[in-house]
């Protein structure tokens, strides 16, 4: 058997539109300036508390309120402002049909991951989903990766340095996807073993690393 772990935001789904809008709504309600696209793309990936603190420069005493306002807006409509990346649903089914055990390791809230997977009829493809609880503030991504891995030689797929570094921390091979929110340079510097610019290149990279027929 083979095991592949996927990050969610920026790896399986393009969630930029919904998340970025809700971030700026939260900042506006706090009386703070909106973030530009360049900063918003860096915002996606780390735990939300860390991102408000680091990228939006929200004072520590306001971070909890910023997250509350973000989540309030996100649940109202931002959650559904997303879609799977082109070719990913097909690739996931090919992997599953080829005997690969699929899992998710993400800092995104568990409930949001499950809602979106169900909407696009993808939830049945995953053997294990490890997302964040609402109470988590600055969770170590490697904890999610370790919890999601079903096999010692699993491969982690992600779009940010946090995914690659987490995989390396627990001894897994890591594939960085450049169609998400991280740059080629960021992924290389984090130690990605392979890079992929789209679903076709990701499939090719995985065929080099794991045993599956598709």
N, C-alpha and C. Protein backbone atom coordinates (compact mmCIF):
# COMPACT_ATOMS: atom_id res chain seq x y z
N UNK A 1 0.84 -1.21 0.00
CA UNK A 1 0.00 0.00 0.00
C UNK A 1 0.88 1.25 0.00
N UNK A 2 0.30 2.35 -0.38
CA UNK A 2 0.97 3.65 -0.34
C UNK A 2 0.04 4.66 0.30
N UNK A 3 0.61 5.70 0.86
CA UNK A 3 -0.15 6.70 1.62
C UNK A 3 0.27 8.10 1.21
N UNK A 4 -0.69 8.93 0.79
CA UNK A 4 -0.41 10.32 0.43
C UNK A 4 -1.28 11.23 1.29
N UNK A 5 -0.62 12.22 1.90
CA UNK A 5 -1.31 13.21 2.73
C UNK A 5 -1.39 14.52 1.95
N UNK A 6 -2.52 15.19 2.04
CA UNK A 6 -2.69 16.47 1.36
C UNK A 6 -3.02 17.57 2.36
N UNK A 7 -2.39 18.71 2.16
CA UNK A 7 -2.87 19.94 2.78
C UNK A 7 -4.18 20.29 2.07
N UNK A 8 -4.94 21.27 2.59
CA UNK A 8 -6.23 21.60 1.97
C UNK A 8 -6.19 22.93 1.22
N UNK A 9 -6.14 24.05 1.95
CA UNK A 9 -6.13 25.37 1.31
C UNK A 9 -4.88 25.53 0.46
N UNK A 10 -5.06 25.83 -0.82
CA UNK A 10 -3.92 26.04 -1.69
C UNK A 10 -3.32 24.78 -2.26
N UNK A 11 -3.86 23.63 -1.88
CA UNK A 11 -3.35 22.34 -2.36
C UNK A 11 -4.46 21.54 -3.04
N UNK A 12 -5.55 21.33 -2.33
CA UNK A 12 -6.72 20.67 -2.92
C UNK A 12 -7.73 21.69 -3.44
N UNK A 13 -7.96 22.74 -2.65
CA UNK A 13 -8.96 23.75 -3.02
C UNK A 13 -8.34 25.14 -3.11
N UNK A 14 -8.82 25.91 -4.09
CA UNK A 14 -8.47 27.33 -4.18
C UNK A 14 -9.48 28.08 -3.32
N UNK A 15 -9.07 28.43 -2.12
CA UNK A 15 -9.95 29.08 -1.15
C UNK A 15 -9.63 30.57 -0.98
N UNK A 16 -8.82 31.09 -1.89
CA UNK A 16 -8.34 32.47 -1.73
C UNK A 16 -9.48 33.49 -1.65
N UNK A 17 -10.44 33.41 -2.56
CA UNK A 17 -11.50 34.43 -2.64
C UNK A 17 -12.26 34.57 -1.32
N UNK A 18 -12.73 33.44 -0.79
CA UNK A 18 -13.52 33.50 0.43
C UNK A 18 -12.73 33.93 1.65
N UNK A 19 -11.55 33.34 1.82
CA UNK A 19 -10.74 33.65 3.00
C UNK A 19 -10.25 35.09 2.96
N UNK A 20 -9.75 35.54 1.81
CA UNK A 20 -9.22 36.90 1.72
C UNK A 20 -10.31 37.94 1.99
N UNK A 21 -11.50 37.72 1.45
CA UNK A 21 -12.59 38.65 1.69
C UNK A 21 -12.93 38.72 3.17
N UNK A 22 -13.01 37.58 3.82
CA UNK A 22 -13.39 37.55 5.23
C UNK A 22 -12.31 38.14 6.14
N UNK A 23 -11.06 37.97 5.76
CA UNK A 23 -9.96 38.59 6.52
C UNK A 23 -10.13 40.10 6.50
N UNK A 24 -10.36 40.65 5.33
CA UNK A 24 -10.47 42.11 5.23
C UNK A 24 -11.76 42.64 5.86
N UNK A 25 -12.82 41.85 5.85
CA UNK A 25 -14.04 42.24 6.56
C UNK A 25 -13.74 42.34 8.06
N UNK A 26 -13.03 41.35 8.59
CA UNK A 26 -12.69 41.35 10.02
C UNK A 26 -11.81 42.56 10.36
N UNK A 27 -10.84 42.86 9.51
CA UNK A 27 -9.96 44.00 9.76
C UNK A 27 -10.73 45.31 9.70
N UNK A 28 -11.64 45.42 8.75
CA UNK A 28 -12.46 46.63 8.63
C UNK A 28 -13.28 46.86 9.89
N UNK A 29 -13.86 45.78 10.42
CA UNK A 29 -14.67 45.90 11.64
C UNK A 29 -13.83 46.29 12.85
N UNK A 30 -12.54 46.00 12.79
CA UNK A 30 -11.63 46.40 13.86
C UNK A 30 -11.05 47.80 13.62
N UNK A 31 -11.43 48.41 12.51
CA UNK A 31 -10.91 49.73 12.18
C UNK A 31 -9.49 49.72 11.68
N UNK A 32 -9.09 48.60 11.10
CA UNK A 32 -7.72 48.47 10.61
C UNK A 32 -7.71 48.40 9.09
N UNK A 33 -6.59 48.76 8.44
CA UNK A 33 -6.54 48.79 6.97
C UNK A 33 -6.60 47.38 6.38
N UNK A 34 -7.17 47.28 5.17
CA UNK A 34 -7.22 45.97 4.51
C UNK A 34 -5.84 45.55 4.04
N UNK A 35 -5.69 44.26 3.80
CA UNK A 35 -4.43 43.73 3.30
C UNK A 35 -4.46 43.63 1.78
N UNK A 36 -3.34 43.86 1.14
CA UNK A 36 -3.23 43.70 -0.31
C UNK A 36 -3.06 42.22 -0.65
N UNK A 37 -3.27 41.91 -1.93
CA UNK A 37 -3.25 40.51 -2.37
C UNK A 37 -1.93 39.81 -2.02
N UNK A 38 -0.82 40.50 -2.21
CA UNK A 38 0.49 39.89 -1.93
C UNK A 38 0.57 39.41 -0.49
N UNK A 39 0.09 40.22 0.44
CA UNK A 39 0.12 39.85 1.85
C UNK A 39 -0.93 38.80 2.16
N UNK A 40 -2.10 38.92 1.54
CA UNK A 40 -3.17 37.94 1.79
C UNK A 40 -2.75 36.54 1.37
N UNK A 41 -1.96 36.43 0.31
CA UNK A 41 -1.53 35.10 -0.13
C UNK A 41 -0.53 34.49 0.85
N UNK A 42 0.19 35.31 1.56
CA UNK A 42 1.07 34.80 2.62
C UNK A 42 0.26 34.46 3.86
N UNK A 43 -0.86 35.14 4.02
CA UNK A 43 -1.74 34.95 5.17
C UNK A 43 -2.28 33.53 5.22
N UNK A 44 -2.57 32.97 4.03
CA UNK A 44 -3.14 31.63 3.95
C UNK A 44 -2.06 30.57 4.13
N UNK A 45 -2.29 29.67 5.05
CA UNK A 45 -1.32 28.60 5.30
C UNK A 45 -1.06 28.39 6.77
N UNK A 46 -0.57 29.41 7.47
CA UNK A 46 -0.35 29.25 8.92
C UNK A 46 -1.69 29.23 9.66
N UNK A 47 -1.69 28.85 10.93
CA UNK A 47 -2.91 28.98 11.74
C UNK A 47 -3.39 30.43 11.73
N UNK A 48 -4.70 30.63 11.72
CA UNK A 48 -5.30 31.95 11.57
C UNK A 48 -4.85 32.95 12.63
N UNK A 49 -4.66 32.48 13.86
CA UNK A 49 -4.19 33.38 14.92
C UNK A 49 -2.82 33.94 14.58
N UNK A 50 -1.92 33.08 14.11
CA UNK A 50 -0.57 33.51 13.75
C UNK A 50 -0.60 34.50 12.60
N UNK A 51 -1.47 34.25 11.62
CA UNK A 51 -1.52 35.12 10.45
C UNK A 51 -2.01 36.52 10.80
N UNK A 52 -3.03 36.62 11.64
CA UNK A 52 -3.50 37.94 12.04
C UNK A 52 -2.40 38.68 12.80
N UNK A 53 -1.66 37.95 13.59
CA UNK A 53 -0.60 38.56 14.39
C UNK A 53 0.58 39.00 13.50
N UNK A 54 1.01 38.11 12.62
CA UNK A 54 2.22 38.36 11.85
C UNK A 54 1.99 39.21 10.60
N UNK A 55 0.97 38.88 9.82
CA UNK A 55 0.80 39.53 8.53
C UNK A 55 -0.13 40.75 8.57
N UNK A 56 -1.13 40.72 9.47
CA UNK A 56 -2.03 41.86 9.59
C UNK A 56 -1.60 42.80 10.71
N UNK A 57 -0.56 42.41 11.46
CA UNK A 57 -0.02 43.23 12.55
C UNK A 57 -1.09 43.63 13.56
N UNK A 58 -2.03 42.71 13.81
CA UNK A 58 -3.06 42.97 14.81
C UNK A 58 -2.45 42.82 16.20
N UNK A 59 -2.65 43.79 17.10
CA UNK A 59 -2.10 43.69 18.46
C UNK A 59 -2.61 42.44 19.16
N UNK A 60 -1.78 41.89 20.02
CA UNK A 60 -2.11 40.64 20.69
C UNK A 60 -3.48 40.68 21.38
N UNK A 61 -3.82 41.84 21.97
CA UNK A 61 -5.08 41.92 22.71
C UNK A 61 -6.31 41.91 21.79
N UNK A 62 -6.08 42.08 20.46
CA UNK A 62 -7.19 42.10 19.51
C UNK A 62 -7.23 40.86 18.61
N UNK A 63 -6.24 39.99 18.72
CA UNK A 63 -6.15 38.84 17.83
C UNK A 63 -7.36 37.93 17.98
N UNK A 64 -7.75 37.64 19.20
CA UNK A 64 -8.90 36.76 19.42
C UNK A 64 -10.17 37.33 18.79
N UNK A 65 -10.38 38.64 18.91
CA UNK A 65 -11.55 39.28 18.32
C UNK A 65 -11.46 39.27 16.80
N UNK A 66 -10.27 39.45 16.26
CA UNK A 66 -10.09 39.38 14.81
C UNK A 66 -10.48 38.01 14.28
N UNK A 67 -10.06 36.97 14.96
CA UNK A 67 -10.40 35.61 14.54
C UNK A 67 -11.90 35.37 14.66
N UNK A 68 -12.50 35.86 15.73
CA UNK A 68 -13.95 35.69 15.91
C UNK A 68 -14.72 36.35 14.77
N UNK A 69 -14.32 37.58 14.40
CA UNK A 69 -14.99 38.30 13.33
C UNK A 69 -14.78 37.61 11.99
N UNK A 70 -13.56 37.11 11.76
CA UNK A 70 -13.28 36.37 10.53
C UNK A 70 -14.17 35.14 10.43
N UNK A 71 -14.22 34.36 11.50
CA UNK A 71 -15.00 33.12 11.47
C UNK A 71 -16.49 33.40 11.31
N UNK A 72 -16.96 34.46 11.90
CA UNK A 72 -18.37 34.84 11.77
C UNK A 72 -18.71 35.10 10.30
N UNK A 73 -17.87 35.84 9.62
CA UNK A 73 -18.10 36.14 8.20
C UNK A 73 -17.87 34.91 7.33
N UNK A 74 -16.88 34.11 7.68
CA UNK A 74 -16.54 32.93 6.90
C UNK A 74 -17.69 31.92 6.89
N UNK A 75 -18.28 31.69 8.03
CA UNK A 75 -19.39 30.74 8.13
C UNK A 75 -20.61 31.25 7.37
N UNK A 76 -20.80 32.57 7.36
CA UNK A 76 -21.96 33.16 6.68
C UNK A 76 -21.89 33.03 5.16
N UNK A 77 -20.71 32.94 4.61
CA UNK A 77 -20.64 32.87 3.15
C UNK A 77 -19.27 32.61 2.57
N UNK A 78 -18.23 32.99 3.28
CA UNK A 78 -16.88 32.83 2.75
C UNK A 78 -16.47 31.39 2.52
N UNK A 79 -16.98 30.51 3.34
CA UNK A 79 -16.63 29.09 3.25
C UNK A 79 -16.89 28.52 1.86
N UNK A 80 -18.00 28.90 1.25
CA UNK A 80 -18.38 28.34 -0.04
C UNK A 80 -17.76 29.05 -1.23
N UNK A 81 -17.01 30.13 -0.99
CA UNK A 81 -16.35 30.85 -2.08
C UNK A 81 -15.02 30.17 -2.41
N UNK A 82 -15.10 29.00 -2.99
CA UNK A 82 -13.89 28.24 -3.32
C UNK A 82 -14.24 27.14 -4.31
N UNK A 83 -13.22 26.46 -4.78
CA UNK A 83 -13.43 25.33 -5.69
C UNK A 83 -12.18 24.45 -5.68
N UNK A 84 -12.32 23.18 -6.05
CA UNK A 84 -11.12 22.34 -6.18
C UNK A 84 -10.26 22.84 -7.33
N UNK A 85 -8.96 22.69 -7.22
CA UNK A 85 -8.07 23.05 -8.32
C UNK A 85 -8.31 22.12 -9.51
N UNK A 86 -8.12 22.65 -10.70
CA UNK A 86 -8.33 21.88 -11.92
C UNK A 86 -7.53 20.58 -11.88
N UNK A 87 -8.21 19.50 -12.18
CA UNK A 87 -7.56 18.20 -12.27
C UNK A 87 -7.39 17.46 -10.97
N UNK A 88 -7.60 18.13 -9.84
CA UNK A 88 -7.38 17.46 -8.55
C UNK A 88 -8.42 16.39 -8.24
N UNK A 89 -9.73 16.64 -8.46
CA UNK A 89 -10.70 15.57 -8.18
C UNK A 89 -10.41 14.30 -8.98
N UNK A 90 -10.05 14.46 -10.26
CA UNK A 90 -9.72 13.29 -11.08
C UNK A 90 -8.48 12.59 -10.55
N UNK A 91 -7.46 13.34 -10.21
CA UNK A 91 -6.23 12.74 -9.68
C UNK A 91 -6.50 11.98 -8.38
N UNK A 92 -7.31 12.57 -7.51
CA UNK A 92 -7.62 11.90 -6.25
C UNK A 92 -8.30 10.55 -6.50
N UNK A 93 -9.22 10.52 -7.45
CA UNK A 93 -9.91 9.26 -7.75
C UNK A 93 -8.96 8.26 -8.39
N UNK A 94 -8.06 8.74 -9.22
CA UNK A 94 -7.07 7.84 -9.81
C UNK A 94 -6.17 7.24 -8.74
N UNK A 95 -5.76 8.06 -7.80
CA UNK A 95 -4.93 7.56 -6.71
C UNK A 95 -5.68 6.53 -5.88
N UNK A 96 -6.91 6.86 -5.54
CA UNK A 96 -7.73 5.95 -4.74
C UNK A 96 -7.94 4.62 -5.47
N UNK A 97 -8.29 4.71 -6.75
CA UNK A 97 -8.51 3.50 -7.55
C UNK A 97 -7.22 2.70 -7.72
N UNK A 98 -6.09 3.40 -7.61
CA UNK A 98 -4.80 2.73 -7.75
C UNK A 98 -4.27 2.14 -6.45
N UNK A 99 -5.10 2.16 -5.40
CA UNK A 99 -4.73 1.54 -4.14
C UNK A 99 -4.01 2.44 -3.16
N UNK A 100 -4.00 3.75 -3.44
CA UNK A 100 -3.32 4.68 -2.53
C UNK A 100 -4.28 5.10 -1.41
N UNK A 101 -3.76 5.12 -0.20
CA UNK A 101 -4.55 5.56 0.96
C UNK A 101 -4.40 7.08 1.09
N UNK A 102 -5.51 7.80 1.00
CA UNK A 102 -5.48 9.25 0.99
C UNK A 102 -5.91 9.82 2.33
N UNK A 103 -5.19 10.86 2.77
CA UNK A 103 -5.49 11.52 4.04
C UNK A 103 -5.32 13.03 3.88
N UNK A 104 -5.83 13.78 4.83
CA UNK A 104 -5.66 15.23 4.84
C UNK A 104 -5.03 15.65 6.16
N UNK A 105 -4.03 16.52 6.07
CA UNK A 105 -3.39 17.12 7.25
C UNK A 105 -3.41 18.62 7.04
N UNK A 106 -4.26 19.32 7.77
CA UNK A 106 -4.48 20.74 7.51
C UNK A 106 -4.71 21.54 8.78
N UNK A 107 -4.35 22.83 8.72
CA UNK A 107 -4.65 23.74 9.81
C UNK A 107 -6.04 24.35 9.67
N UNK A 108 -6.73 24.01 8.60
CA UNK A 108 -8.11 24.48 8.39
C UNK A 108 -9.04 23.75 9.35
N UNK A 109 -10.08 24.42 9.85
CA UNK A 109 -11.01 23.75 10.76
C UNK A 109 -11.60 22.48 10.16
N UNK A 110 -11.67 21.46 10.96
CA UNK A 110 -12.17 20.15 10.52
C UNK A 110 -13.56 20.25 9.90
N UNK A 111 -14.46 21.02 10.52
CA UNK A 111 -15.83 21.09 10.02
C UNK A 111 -15.86 21.68 8.61
N UNK A 112 -15.00 22.67 8.33
CA UNK A 112 -14.98 23.31 7.03
C UNK A 112 -14.47 22.35 5.95
N UNK A 113 -13.44 21.60 6.28
CA UNK A 113 -12.90 20.61 5.34
C UNK A 113 -13.99 19.60 4.97
N UNK A 114 -14.68 19.09 5.96
CA UNK A 114 -15.69 18.06 5.72
C UNK A 114 -16.86 18.59 4.90
N UNK A 115 -17.29 19.82 5.18
CA UNK A 115 -18.39 20.42 4.42
C UNK A 115 -18.02 20.53 2.94
N UNK A 116 -16.81 21.02 2.67
CA UNK A 116 -16.40 21.22 1.28
C UNK A 116 -16.17 19.91 0.55
N UNK A 117 -15.59 18.94 1.22
CA UNK A 117 -15.39 17.64 0.59
C UNK A 117 -16.73 16.99 0.25
N UNK A 118 -17.69 17.12 1.15
CA UNK A 118 -19.03 16.56 0.89
C UNK A 118 -19.70 17.27 -0.27
N UNK A 119 -19.57 18.60 -0.34
CA UNK A 119 -20.19 19.36 -1.41
C UNK A 119 -19.71 18.89 -2.78
N UNK A 120 -18.42 18.56 -2.86
CA UNK A 120 -17.86 18.16 -4.15
C UNK A 120 -17.71 16.63 -4.28
N UNK A 121 -18.40 15.89 -3.41
CA UNK A 121 -18.41 14.42 -3.47
C UNK A 121 -17.01 13.81 -3.42
N UNK A 122 -16.19 14.35 -2.53
CA UNK A 122 -14.81 13.87 -2.41
C UNK A 122 -14.51 13.23 -1.06
N UNK A 123 -15.39 13.37 -0.11
CA UNK A 123 -15.09 12.93 1.25
C UNK A 123 -14.82 11.43 1.32
N UNK A 124 -15.52 10.65 0.49
CA UNK A 124 -15.36 9.20 0.53
C UNK A 124 -13.99 8.73 0.08
N UNK A 125 -13.22 9.64 -0.54
CA UNK A 125 -11.90 9.26 -1.04
C UNK A 125 -10.84 9.23 0.07
N UNK A 126 -11.14 9.87 1.18
CA UNK A 126 -10.13 10.03 2.23
C UNK A 126 -10.37 9.09 3.41
N UNK A 127 -9.28 8.41 3.77
CA UNK A 127 -9.35 7.47 4.87
C UNK A 127 -9.27 8.16 6.22
N UNK A 128 -8.58 9.30 6.25
CA UNK A 128 -8.42 10.03 7.50
C UNK A 128 -8.32 11.53 7.20
N UNK A 129 -9.01 12.34 8.01
CA UNK A 129 -8.97 13.79 7.86
C UNK A 129 -8.58 14.40 9.20
N UNK A 130 -7.44 15.08 9.22
CA UNK A 130 -6.97 15.72 10.44
C UNK A 130 -6.93 17.23 10.23
N UNK A 131 -8.00 17.92 10.67
CA UNK A 131 -8.07 19.36 10.60
C UNK A 131 -7.96 19.95 11.99
N UNK A 132 -8.15 21.26 12.06
CA UNK A 132 -8.02 21.95 13.35
C UNK A 132 -9.36 22.03 14.06
N UNK A 133 -9.30 22.08 15.37
CA UNK A 133 -10.49 22.35 16.17
C UNK A 133 -10.59 23.86 16.35
N UNK A 134 -11.76 24.33 16.69
CA UNK A 134 -11.95 25.77 16.87
C UNK A 134 -11.13 26.35 18.01
N UNK A 135 -10.69 25.50 18.92
CA UNK A 135 -9.97 25.98 20.10
C UNK A 135 -8.47 26.15 19.86
N UNK A 136 -7.96 25.58 18.77
CA UNK A 136 -6.52 25.65 18.51
C UNK A 136 -6.10 27.05 18.11
N UNK A 137 -4.96 27.49 18.65
CA UNK A 137 -4.47 28.83 18.35
C UNK A 137 -3.25 28.78 17.42
N UNK A 138 -2.21 28.13 17.83
CA UNK A 138 -0.97 28.10 17.04
C UNK A 138 -0.44 26.67 16.96
N UNK A 139 -1.28 25.78 16.46
CA UNK A 139 -0.93 24.37 16.42
C UNK A 139 0.28 24.11 15.53
N UNK A 140 1.12 23.19 15.94
CA UNK A 140 2.28 22.75 15.17
C UNK A 140 1.76 21.87 14.03
N UNK A 141 2.03 22.28 12.78
CA UNK A 141 1.53 21.52 11.63
C UNK A 141 2.04 20.09 11.62
N UNK A 142 3.22 19.87 12.17
CA UNK A 142 3.77 18.51 12.17
C UNK A 142 2.91 17.56 13.00
N UNK A 143 2.20 18.09 13.99
CA UNK A 143 1.30 17.25 14.77
C UNK A 143 0.16 16.71 13.90
N UNK A 144 -0.34 17.56 13.00
CA UNK A 144 -1.40 17.14 12.07
C UNK A 144 -0.87 16.10 11.09
N UNK A 145 0.34 16.34 10.59
CA UNK A 145 0.93 15.41 9.64
C UNK A 145 1.17 14.05 10.29
N UNK A 146 1.71 14.07 11.49
CA UNK A 146 1.98 12.81 12.20
C UNK A 146 0.68 12.06 12.49
N UNK A 147 -0.36 12.79 12.86
CA UNK A 147 -1.65 12.16 13.18
C UNK A 147 -2.31 11.58 11.93
N UNK A 148 -2.10 12.24 10.78
CA UNK A 148 -2.77 11.81 9.55
C UNK A 148 -2.05 10.66 8.85
N UNK A 149 -0.75 10.53 9.07
CA UNK A 149 0.02 9.52 8.36
C UNK A 149 -0.38 8.11 8.78
N UNK A 150 -0.66 7.28 7.79
CA UNK A 150 -1.05 5.89 8.05
C UNK A 150 0.11 4.93 7.83
N UNK A 151 1.14 5.40 7.13
CA UNK A 151 2.30 4.57 6.83
C UNK A 151 3.58 5.37 7.05
N UNK A 152 4.64 4.69 7.44
CA UNK A 152 5.90 5.36 7.75
C UNK A 152 6.52 6.05 6.55
N UNK A 153 6.24 5.54 5.34
CA UNK A 153 6.83 6.12 4.13
C UNK A 153 5.82 6.97 3.37
N UNK A 154 4.90 7.58 4.08
CA UNK A 154 3.88 8.42 3.45
C UNK A 154 4.51 9.63 2.77
N UNK A 155 3.79 10.20 1.80
CA UNK A 155 4.22 11.41 1.10
C UNK A 155 3.26 12.54 1.44
N UNK A 156 3.81 13.70 1.79
CA UNK A 156 3.00 14.88 2.09
C UNK A 156 3.00 15.82 0.89
N UNK A 157 1.82 16.32 0.51
CA UNK A 157 1.68 17.28 -0.58
C UNK A 157 1.14 18.59 -0.02
N UNK A 158 1.84 19.69 -0.27
CA UNK A 158 1.39 20.98 0.26
C UNK A 158 1.92 22.14 -0.55
N UNK A 159 1.37 23.33 -0.29
CA UNK A 159 1.73 24.51 -1.08
C UNK A 159 2.54 25.55 -0.32
N UNK A 160 2.76 25.35 0.98
CA UNK A 160 3.49 26.32 1.78
C UNK A 160 4.65 25.64 2.50
N UNK A 161 5.58 26.46 2.97
CA UNK A 161 6.75 25.92 3.67
C UNK A 161 6.35 25.15 4.93
N UNK A 162 5.23 25.55 5.53
CA UNK A 162 4.77 24.90 6.75
C UNK A 162 4.47 23.41 6.48
N UNK A 163 3.93 23.12 5.30
CA UNK A 163 3.63 21.73 4.94
C UNK A 163 4.91 20.93 4.74
N UNK A 164 5.85 21.53 4.03
CA UNK A 164 7.10 20.83 3.74
C UNK A 164 7.91 20.62 5.02
N UNK A 165 8.03 21.66 5.82
CA UNK A 165 8.79 21.57 7.07
C UNK A 165 8.16 20.55 8.02
N UNK A 166 6.83 20.52 8.07
CA UNK A 166 6.15 19.56 8.94
C UNK A 166 6.42 18.13 8.49
N UNK A 167 6.38 17.91 7.17
CA UNK A 167 6.66 16.58 6.64
C UNK A 167 8.08 16.14 6.99
N UNK A 168 9.03 17.04 6.81
CA UNK A 168 10.43 16.71 7.11
C UNK A 168 10.63 16.44 8.60
N UNK A 169 9.90 17.17 9.43
CA UNK A 169 10.05 17.02 10.87
C UNK A 169 9.65 15.62 11.33
N UNK A 170 8.69 15.01 10.63
CA UNK A 170 8.26 13.66 11.02
C UNK A 170 8.81 12.59 10.07
N UNK A 171 9.76 12.99 9.21
CA UNK A 171 10.46 12.02 8.39
C UNK A 171 9.78 11.58 7.11
N UNK A 172 8.89 12.43 6.56
CA UNK A 172 8.18 12.07 5.34
C UNK A 172 8.76 12.77 4.11
N UNK A 173 8.55 12.19 2.96
CA UNK A 173 8.87 12.84 1.70
C UNK A 173 7.85 13.93 1.44
N UNK A 174 8.26 15.04 0.82
CA UNK A 174 7.34 16.16 0.62
C UNK A 174 7.35 16.65 -0.83
N UNK A 175 6.15 16.85 -1.36
CA UNK A 175 5.97 17.42 -2.70
C UNK A 175 5.33 18.79 -2.55
N UNK A 176 5.97 19.81 -3.13
CA UNK A 176 5.43 21.16 -3.07
C UNK A 176 4.70 21.50 -4.35
N UNK A 177 3.47 22.02 -4.22
CA UNK A 177 2.71 22.42 -5.41
C UNK A 177 2.78 23.94 -5.55
N UNK A 178 3.16 24.39 -6.74
CA UNK A 178 3.41 25.82 -6.95
C UNK A 178 2.18 26.56 -7.47
N UNK A 179 1.06 25.85 -7.67
CA UNK A 179 -0.17 26.52 -8.11
C UNK A 179 -0.95 27.12 -6.94
N UNK A 180 -0.49 26.87 -5.71
CA UNK A 180 -1.20 27.35 -4.53
C UNK A 180 -0.73 28.72 -4.08
N UNK A 181 -0.48 28.86 -2.76
CA UNK A 181 -0.19 30.18 -2.20
C UNK A 181 1.28 30.41 -1.88
N UNK A 182 2.10 29.39 -2.07
CA UNK A 182 3.53 29.54 -1.79
C UNK A 182 4.33 29.65 -3.08
N UNK A 183 5.51 30.22 -3.01
CA UNK A 183 6.36 30.39 -4.18
C UNK A 183 7.30 29.19 -4.37
N UNK A 184 7.86 29.11 -5.56
CA UNK A 184 8.85 28.06 -5.84
C UNK A 184 10.02 28.18 -4.87
N UNK A 185 10.49 29.40 -4.68
CA UNK A 185 11.62 29.63 -3.79
C UNK A 185 11.31 29.18 -2.36
N UNK A 186 10.12 29.53 -1.88
CA UNK A 186 9.73 29.14 -0.52
C UNK A 186 9.73 27.63 -0.37
N UNK A 187 9.17 26.93 -1.33
CA UNK A 187 9.06 25.48 -1.25
C UNK A 187 10.43 24.80 -1.37
N UNK A 188 11.26 25.32 -2.24
CA UNK A 188 12.62 24.77 -2.38
C UNK A 188 13.42 24.97 -1.10
N UNK A 189 13.34 26.17 -0.55
CA UNK A 189 14.09 26.49 0.67
C UNK A 189 13.62 25.64 1.86
N UNK A 190 12.35 25.24 1.84
CA UNK A 190 11.82 24.42 2.92
C UNK A 190 12.25 22.96 2.80
N UNK A 191 12.76 22.60 1.62
CA UNK A 191 13.28 21.24 1.44
C UNK A 191 12.39 20.30 0.67
N UNK A 192 11.50 20.83 -0.18
CA UNK A 192 10.62 19.95 -0.96
C UNK A 192 11.44 18.99 -1.82
N UNK A 193 11.02 17.74 -1.84
CA UNK A 193 11.71 16.72 -2.64
C UNK A 193 11.34 16.80 -4.11
N UNK A 194 10.13 17.25 -4.39
CA UNK A 194 9.66 17.44 -5.76
C UNK A 194 8.78 18.69 -5.79
N UNK A 195 8.65 19.29 -6.97
CA UNK A 195 7.75 20.41 -7.18
C UNK A 195 6.80 20.06 -8.32
N UNK A 196 5.58 20.59 -8.24
CA UNK A 196 4.59 20.35 -9.30
C UNK A 196 3.80 21.62 -9.54
N UNK A 197 3.65 21.99 -10.82
CA UNK A 197 2.95 23.24 -11.14
C UNK A 197 1.47 23.03 -11.43
N UNK A 198 1.05 21.76 -11.59
CA UNK A 198 -0.36 21.48 -11.85
C UNK A 198 -0.64 20.01 -11.52
N UNK A 199 -1.88 19.59 -11.74
CA UNK A 199 -2.28 18.22 -11.39
C UNK A 199 -1.48 17.18 -12.17
N UNK A 200 -1.18 17.47 -13.43
CA UNK A 200 -0.44 16.51 -14.25
C UNK A 200 0.97 16.30 -13.70
N UNK A 201 1.64 17.39 -13.34
CA UNK A 201 2.98 17.26 -12.78
C UNK A 201 2.94 16.61 -11.40
N UNK A 202 1.88 16.87 -10.64
CA UNK A 202 1.75 16.24 -9.33
C UNK A 202 1.59 14.73 -9.49
N UNK A 203 0.80 14.32 -10.45
CA UNK A 203 0.62 12.89 -10.72
C UNK A 203 1.95 12.24 -11.08
N UNK A 204 2.71 12.91 -11.93
CA UNK A 204 4.01 12.37 -12.35
C UNK A 204 4.97 12.27 -11.16
N UNK A 205 4.96 13.28 -10.31
CA UNK A 205 5.84 13.27 -9.14
C UNK A 205 5.47 12.13 -8.20
N UNK A 206 4.19 11.94 -7.99
CA UNK A 206 3.75 10.87 -7.08
C UNK A 206 4.06 9.50 -7.66
N UNK A 207 3.98 9.36 -8.97
CA UNK A 207 4.29 8.06 -9.58
C UNK A 207 5.76 7.70 -9.39
N UNK A 208 6.61 8.72 -9.24
CA UNK A 208 8.02 8.47 -8.99
C UNK A 208 8.26 8.05 -7.55
N UNK A 209 7.36 8.46 -6.65
CA UNK A 209 7.60 8.29 -5.21
C UNK A 209 6.83 7.14 -4.59
N UNK A 210 5.69 6.80 -5.16
CA UNK A 210 4.85 5.74 -4.56
C UNK A 210 4.45 4.75 -5.63
N UNK A 211 3.90 3.65 -5.19
CA UNK A 211 3.49 2.59 -6.12
C UNK A 211 2.00 2.68 -6.39
N UNK A 212 1.64 3.16 -7.55
CA UNK A 212 0.22 3.14 -7.95
C UNK A 212 0.12 3.13 -9.46
N UNK A 213 -0.96 2.57 -9.95
CA UNK A 213 -1.18 2.48 -11.39
C UNK A 213 -2.39 3.32 -11.75
N UNK A 214 -2.21 4.24 -12.70
CA UNK A 214 -3.32 5.08 -13.14
C UNK A 214 -3.08 5.50 -14.58
